[in-house]
Amino acid sequence: MEDAGVGWIAAIIIGGIAGWLAEKFMKSNMGVLMNIILGIVGAIIANALLGIFGVALGGWIGYLIAGFIGACILIAIARMFRR
C-alpha cells in the first residue's frame, strides 16, 4: 500500500471509490465493503501487472486508476467462475 504513496485511510477511501466505479462500469452489485476490498486488492494486482510492463502509477490518481482496472479484472474473473 505504502509503495503507491497512499496511506491506509486514503487507500480505503480511494479503494472504495475505485471499487464503486468498477461496480458501475461492470454493472454488478457488490456492496460497500466488497467495493473497498475490490478497489484495494485491484490496485495491488493492477500495479503488479503494470509493473511487469514498466508502467508505474503513483499518488491518488494512479491508485484510483489501478484500483479501477484491477477491480474490473477481479469482477470479470469472479463472473467466469460463477457461470
C-alpha atoms as a PDB file:
ATOM      1  CA  MET A   1       0.000   0.000   0.000  1.00  0.00           C
ATOM      2  CA  GLU A   2       2.666   2.470   1.039  1.00  0.00           C
ATOM      3  CA  ASP A   3       4.685   1.982  -2.143  1.00  0.00           C
ATOM      4  CA  ALA A   4       1.911   3.747  -4.077  1.00  0.00           C
ATOM      5  CA  GLY A   5       2.396   6.822  -1.888  1.00  0.00           C
ATOM      6  CA  VAL A   6      -1.052   6.419  -0.333  1.00  0.00           C
ATOM      7  CA  GLY A   7      -1.736   5.859   3.383  1.00  0.00           C
ATOM      8  CA  TRP A   8      -4.109   3.238   4.793  1.00  0.00           C
ATOM      9  CA  ILE A   9      -7.077   5.577   5.325  1.00  0.00           C
ATOM     10  CA  ALA A  10      -6.640   7.076   1.863  1.00  0.00           C
ATOM     11  CA  ALA A  11      -6.293   3.546   0.432  1.00  0.00           C
ATOM     12  CA  ILE A  12      -9.650   2.588   1.952  1.00  0.00           C
ATOM     13  CA  ILE A  13     -11.346   5.720   0.605  1.00  0.00           C
ATOM     14  CA  ILE A  14      -9.762   5.519  -2.845  1.00  0.00           C
ATOM     15  CA  GLY A  15     -10.272   1.740  -2.936  1.00  0.00           C
ATOM     16  CA  GLY A  16     -13.953   2.245  -2.165  1.00  0.00           C
ATOM     17  CA  ILE A  17     -14.299   4.803  -4.948  1.00  0.00           C
ATOM     18  CA  ALA A  18     -12.390   2.610  -7.419  1.00  0.00           C
ATOM     19  CA  GLY A  19     -14.477  -0.436  -6.475  1.00  0.00           C
ATOM     20  CA  TRP A  20     -17.709   1.567  -6.791  1.00  0.00           C
ATOM     21  CA  LEU A  21     -16.678   2.884 -10.232  1.00  0.00           C
ATOM     22  CA  ALA A  22     -15.777  -0.648 -11.352  1.00  0.00           C
ATOM     23  CA  GLU A  23     -19.104  -1.925  -9.981  1.00  0.00           C
ATOM     24  CA  LYS A  24     -20.995   0.661 -12.065  1.00  0.00           C
ATOM     25  CA  PHE A  25     -18.834   0.064 -15.156  1.00  0.00           C
ATOM     26  CA  MET A  26     -19.193  -3.723 -14.946  1.00  0.00           C
ATOM     27  CA  LYS A  27     -22.902  -3.473 -13.991  1.00  0.00           C
ATOM     28  CA  SER A  28     -22.581  -5.594 -10.858  1.00  0.00           C
ATOM     29  CA  ASN A  29     -23.954  -5.135  -7.346  1.00  0.00           C
ATOM     30  CA  MET A  30     -21.370  -5.915  -4.683  1.00  0.00           C
ATOM     31  CA  GLY A  31     -21.988  -3.618  -1.710  1.00  0.00           C
ATOM     32  CA  VAL A  32     -19.801  -1.030   0.017  1.00  0.00           C
ATOM     33  CA  LEU A  33     -17.416  -3.378   1.866  1.00  0.00           C
ATOM     34  CA  MET A  34     -16.838  -5.505  -1.227  1.00  0.00           C
ATOM     35  CA  ASN A  35     -16.221  -2.336  -3.285  1.00  0.00           C
ATOM     36  CA  ILE A  36     -13.489  -1.269  -0.849  1.00  0.00           C
ATOM     37  CA  ILE A  37     -11.903  -4.723  -0.910  1.00  0.00           C
ATOM     38  CA  LEU A  38     -12.103  -4.928  -4.715  1.00  0.00           C
ATOM     39  CA  GLY A  39     -10.582  -1.473  -5.092  1.00  0.00           C
ATOM     40  CA  ILE A  40      -7.657  -2.137  -2.740  1.00  0.00           C
ATOM     41  CA  VAL A  41      -6.904  -5.659  -3.970  1.00  0.00           C
ATOM     42  CA  GLY A  42      -7.500  -4.497  -7.540  1.00  0.00           C
ATOM     43  CA  ALA A  43      -4.955  -1.692  -7.133  1.00  0.00           C
ATOM     44  CA  ILE A  44      -2.360  -4.144  -5.804  1.00  0.00           C
ATOM     45  CA  ILE A  45      -2.954  -6.550  -8.694  1.00  0.00           C
ATOM     46  CA  ALA A  46      -3.060  -3.845 -11.367  1.00  0.00           C
ATOM     47  CA  ASN A  47       0.122  -2.198 -10.038  1.00  0.00           C
ATOM     48  CA  ALA A  48       1.871  -5.587 -10.141  1.00  0.00           C
ATOM     49  CA  LEU A  49       0.670  -6.278 -13.696  1.00  0.00           C
ATOM     50  CA  LEU A  50       1.571  -2.782 -14.892  1.00  0.00           C
ATOM     51  CA  GLY A  51       4.968  -3.101 -13.189  1.00  0.00           C
ATOM     52  CA  ILE A  52       5.742  -6.077 -15.412  1.00  0.00           C
ATOM     53  CA  PHE A  53       5.391  -3.754 -18.413  1.00  0.00           C
ATOM     54  CA  GLY A  54       7.400  -0.989 -16.765  1.00  0.00           C
ATOM     55  CA  VAL A  55       4.397   1.261 -16.080  1.00  0.00           C
ATOM     56  CA  ALA A  56       4.266   2.860 -12.626  1.00  0.00           C
ATOM     57  CA  LEU A  57       1.188   4.692 -11.356  1.00  0.00           C
ATOM     58  CA  GLY A  58       1.746   6.765  -8.232  1.00  0.00           C
ATOM     59  CA  GLY A  59      -0.276   9.007  -5.982  1.00  0.00           C
ATOM     60  CA  TRP A  60      -4.014   9.229  -5.529  1.00  0.00           C
ATOM     61  CA  ILE A  61      -4.957   9.347  -9.213  1.00  0.00           C
ATOM     62  CA  GLY A  62      -2.652   6.461 -10.097  1.00  0.00           C
ATOM     63  CA  TYR A  63      -4.015   4.414  -7.216  1.00  0.00           C
ATOM     64  CA  LEU A  64      -7.594   5.182  -8.329  1.00  0.00           C
ATOM     65  CA  ILE A  65      -6.851   4.159 -11.926  1.00  0.00           C
ATOM     66  CA  ALA A  66      -5.032   0.994 -10.848  1.00  0.00           C
ATOM     67  CA  GLY A  67      -7.838   0.157  -8.394  1.00  0.00           C
ATOM     68  CA  PHE A  68     -10.472   0.608 -11.076  1.00  0.00           C
ATOM     69  CA  ILE A  69      -8.603  -1.546 -13.607  1.00  0.00           C
ATOM     70  CA  GLY A  70      -7.843  -4.247 -11.038  1.00  0.00           C
ATOM     71  CA  ALA A  71     -11.390  -4.294  -9.653  1.00  0.00           C
ATOM     72  CA  CYS A  72     -12.806  -4.680 -13.176  1.00  0.00           C
ATOM     73  CA  ILE A  73     -10.430  -7.607 -13.739  1.00  0.00           C
ATOM     74  CA  LEU A  74     -11.487  -9.216 -10.436  1.00  0.00           C
ATOM     75  CA  ILE A  75     -15.204  -8.799 -11.238  1.00  0.00           C
ATOM     76  CA  ALA A  76     -14.656 -10.374 -14.674  1.00  0.00           C
ATOM     77  CA  ILE A  77     -12.762 -13.308 -13.123  1.00  0.00           C
ATOM     78  CA  ALA A  78     -15.490 -13.803 -10.492  1.00  0.00           C
ATOM     79  CA  ARG A  79     -18.119 -13.888 -13.252  1.00  0.00           C
ATOM     80  CA  MET A  80     -16.168 -16.568 -15.138  1.00  0.00           C
ATOM     81  CA  PHE A  81     -16.140 -18.827 -12.073  1.00  0.00           C
ATOM     82  CA  ARG A  82     -19.794 -18.207 -11.188  1.00  0.00           C
ATOM     83  CA  ARG A  83     -21.078 -19.328 -14.578  1.00  0.00           C
END
